[in-house]
Amino acid sequence: MLAAAISLGGILAANAQEFTKGTVKKVMADQQKVTIIHEELTNLDMPAMTMVFNVADPAMLARLQAGADIEFVAERVRGKLTVTQLK
């Protein structure tokens, strides 16, 4: 039973997403994209910079405005850098 709990804990840790801090620079709702000035994206092995991201869900754009501080998860989705989660 202990081994199963340890195994489950490892699986959950592997699936945990790391949020990155950033500031919204520009929202392009018509293109379903957002420009973010962000800290290092450790899961993508990218340094801090300003980048344009797709959004996984267009409804996310309604929560974003230029100048807003956010925390987000970015992943490669079908080869494109995409914001998949927002705080």
C-alpha atoms as a PDB file:
ATOM      1  CA  MET A   1       0.000   0.000   0.000  1.00  0.00           C
ATOM      2  CA  LEU A   2       2.862   2.382   0.809  1.00  0.00           C
ATOM      3  CA  ALA A   3       4.438   1.647  -2.571  1.00  0.00           C
ATOM      4  CA  ALA A   4       1.173   2.513  -4.308  1.00  0.00           C
ATOM      5  CA  ALA A   5       0.943   5.817  -2.421  1.00  0.00           C
ATOM      6  CA  ILE A   6       4.535   6.684  -3.319  1.00  0.00           C
ATOM      7  CA  SER A   7       3.905   5.779  -6.960  1.00  0.00           C
ATOM      8  CA  LEU A   8       0.740   7.908  -7.083  1.00  0.00           C
ATOM      9  CA  GLY A   9       2.595  10.831  -5.490  1.00  0.00           C
ATOM     10  CA  GLY A  10       5.270  10.607  -8.188  1.00  0.00           C
ATOM     11  CA  ILE A  11       2.662  10.630 -10.941  1.00  0.00           C
ATOM     12  CA  LEU A  12       0.905  13.665  -9.461  1.00  0.00           C
ATOM     13  CA  ALA A  13       4.191  15.528  -9.086  1.00  0.00           C
ATOM     14  CA  ALA A  14       5.094  14.785 -12.714  1.00  0.00           C
ATOM     15  CA  ASN A  15       1.756  16.207 -13.849  1.00  0.00           C
ATOM     16  CA  ALA A  16       1.980  19.347 -11.692  1.00  0.00           C
ATOM     17  CA  GLN A  17       2.257  22.481 -13.798  1.00  0.00           C
ATOM     18  CA  GLU A  18       4.648  25.252 -12.871  1.00  0.00           C
ATOM     19  CA  PHE A  19       3.184  28.739 -13.180  1.00  0.00           C
ATOM     20  CA  THR A  20       5.370  31.567 -14.519  1.00  0.00           C
ATOM     21  CA  LYS A  21       4.957  35.247 -13.660  1.00  0.00           C
ATOM     22  CA  GLY A  22       4.473  37.719 -16.464  1.00  0.00           C
ATOM     23  CA  THR A  23       2.942  41.002 -17.559  1.00  0.00           C
ATOM     24  CA  VAL A  24       0.516  41.264 -20.453  1.00  0.00           C
ATOM     25  CA  LYS A  25       1.880  43.600 -23.105  1.00  0.00           C
ATOM     26  CA  LYS A  26      -0.785  43.210 -25.801  1.00  0.00           C
ATOM     27  CA  VAL A  27      -3.985  41.217 -26.370  1.00  0.00           C
ATOM     28  CA  MET A  28      -4.854  40.285 -29.967  1.00  0.00           C
ATOM     29  CA  ALA A  29      -8.334  38.809 -29.582  1.00  0.00           C
ATOM     30  CA  ASP A  30      -8.933  38.568 -33.336  1.00  0.00           C
ATOM     31  CA  GLN A  31      -5.870  36.305 -33.636  1.00  0.00           C
ATOM     32  CA  GLN A  32      -6.425  34.473 -30.304  1.00  0.00           C
ATOM     33  CA  LYS A  33      -2.936  35.557 -29.184  1.00  0.00           C
ATOM     34  CA  VAL A  34      -1.374  37.472 -26.319  1.00  0.00           C
ATOM     35  CA  THR A  35       2.053  39.096 -25.945  1.00  0.00           C
ATOM     36  CA  ILE A  36       3.578  38.508 -22.506  1.00  0.00           C
ATOM     37  CA  ILE A  37       6.757  39.831 -20.875  1.00  0.00           C
ATOM     38  CA  HIS A  38       7.654  36.780 -18.786  1.00  0.00           C
ATOM     39  CA  GLU A  39      10.154  35.288 -16.385  1.00  0.00           C
ATOM     40  CA  GLU A  40      12.081  32.136 -17.300  1.00  0.00           C
ATOM     41  CA  LEU A  41       9.904  29.319 -18.656  1.00  0.00           C
ATOM     42  CA  THR A  42      11.665  26.391 -17.010  1.00  0.00           C
ATOM     43  CA  ASN A  43       9.416  23.720 -18.531  1.00  0.00           C
ATOM     44  CA  LEU A  44      10.288  25.008 -22.023  1.00  0.00           C
ATOM     45  CA  ASP A  45      13.941  25.803 -21.188  1.00  0.00           C
ATOM     46  CA  MET A  46      13.506  29.453 -22.259  1.00  0.00           C
ATOM     47  CA  PRO A  47      14.996  32.542 -20.626  1.00  0.00           C
ATOM     48  CA  ALA A  48      12.966  35.572 -19.584  1.00  0.00           C
ATOM     49  CA  MET A  49      11.816  37.584 -22.610  1.00  0.00           C
ATOM     50  CA  THR A  50       8.803  39.042 -24.404  1.00  0.00           C
ATOM     51  CA  MET A  51       6.884  36.558 -26.558  1.00  0.00           C
ATOM     52  CA  VAL A  52       3.621  36.091 -28.423  1.00  0.00           C
ATOM     53  CA  PHE A  53       1.581  33.074 -27.313  1.00  0.00           C
ATOM     54  CA  ASN A  54      -1.534  31.385 -28.630  1.00  0.00           C
ATOM     55  CA  VAL A  55      -4.221  30.700 -26.023  1.00  0.00           C
ATOM     56  CA  ALA A  56      -5.684  27.241 -25.478  1.00  0.00           C
ATOM     57  CA  ASP A  57      -9.129  28.718 -24.782  1.00  0.00           C
ATOM     58  CA  PRO A  58     -10.234  31.987 -26.424  1.00  0.00           C
ATOM     59  CA  ALA A  59     -12.272  32.779 -23.269  1.00  0.00           C
ATOM     60  CA  MET A  60      -8.927  33.440 -21.526  1.00  0.00           C
ATOM     61  CA  LEU A  61      -8.549  36.632 -23.558  1.00  0.00           C
ATOM     62  CA  ALA A  62     -11.520  38.230 -21.782  1.00  0.00           C
ATOM     63  CA  ARG A  63      -9.549  37.983 -18.523  1.00  0.00           C
ATOM     64  CA  LEU A  64      -6.475  39.722 -19.962  1.00  0.00           C
ATOM     65  CA  GLN A  65      -5.641  43.360 -20.529  1.00  0.00           C
ATOM     66  CA  ALA A  66      -2.411  45.213 -21.280  1.00  0.00           C
ATOM     67  CA  GLY A  67      -0.427  45.938 -18.133  1.00  0.00           C
ATOM     68  CA  ALA A  68      -1.998  43.147 -16.065  1.00  0.00           C
ATOM     69  CA  ASP A  69       0.312  40.996 -13.951  1.00  0.00           C
ATOM     70  CA  ILE A  70      -0.484  37.312 -14.428  1.00  0.00           C
ATOM     71  CA  GLU A  71       0.726  33.826 -13.623  1.00  0.00           C
ATOM     72  CA  PHE A  72       0.422  31.332 -16.448  1.00  0.00           C
ATOM     73  CA  VAL A  73       1.455  27.945 -17.790  1.00  0.00           C
ATOM     74  CA  ALA A  74       2.803  27.766 -21.338  1.00  0.00           C
ATOM     75  CA  GLU A  75       3.254  24.549 -23.276  1.00  0.00           C
ATOM     76  CA  ARG A  76       3.920  23.472 -26.842  1.00  0.00           C
ATOM     77  CA  VAL A  77       0.575  22.520 -28.366  1.00  0.00           C
ATOM     78  CA  ARG A  78       0.824  21.168 -31.913  1.00  0.00           C
ATOM     79  CA  GLY A  79       4.222  22.863 -32.184  1.00  0.00           C
ATOM     80  CA  LYS A  80       3.013  26.322 -31.082  1.00  0.00           C
ATOM     81  CA  LEU A  81       3.726  28.032 -27.753  1.00  0.00           C
ATOM     82  CA  THR A  82       0.359  28.227 -26.034  1.00  0.00           C
ATOM     83  CA  VAL A  83      -0.935  29.573 -22.726  1.00  0.00           C
ATOM     84  CA  THR A  84      -2.835  26.622 -21.259  1.00  0.00           C
ATOM     85  CA  GLN A  85      -3.615  27.939 -17.754  1.00  0.00           C
ATOM     86  CA  LEU A  86      -4.029  31.340 -16.087  1.00  0.00           C
ATOM     87  CA  LYS A  87      -4.157  32.555 -12.490  1.00  0.00           C
END
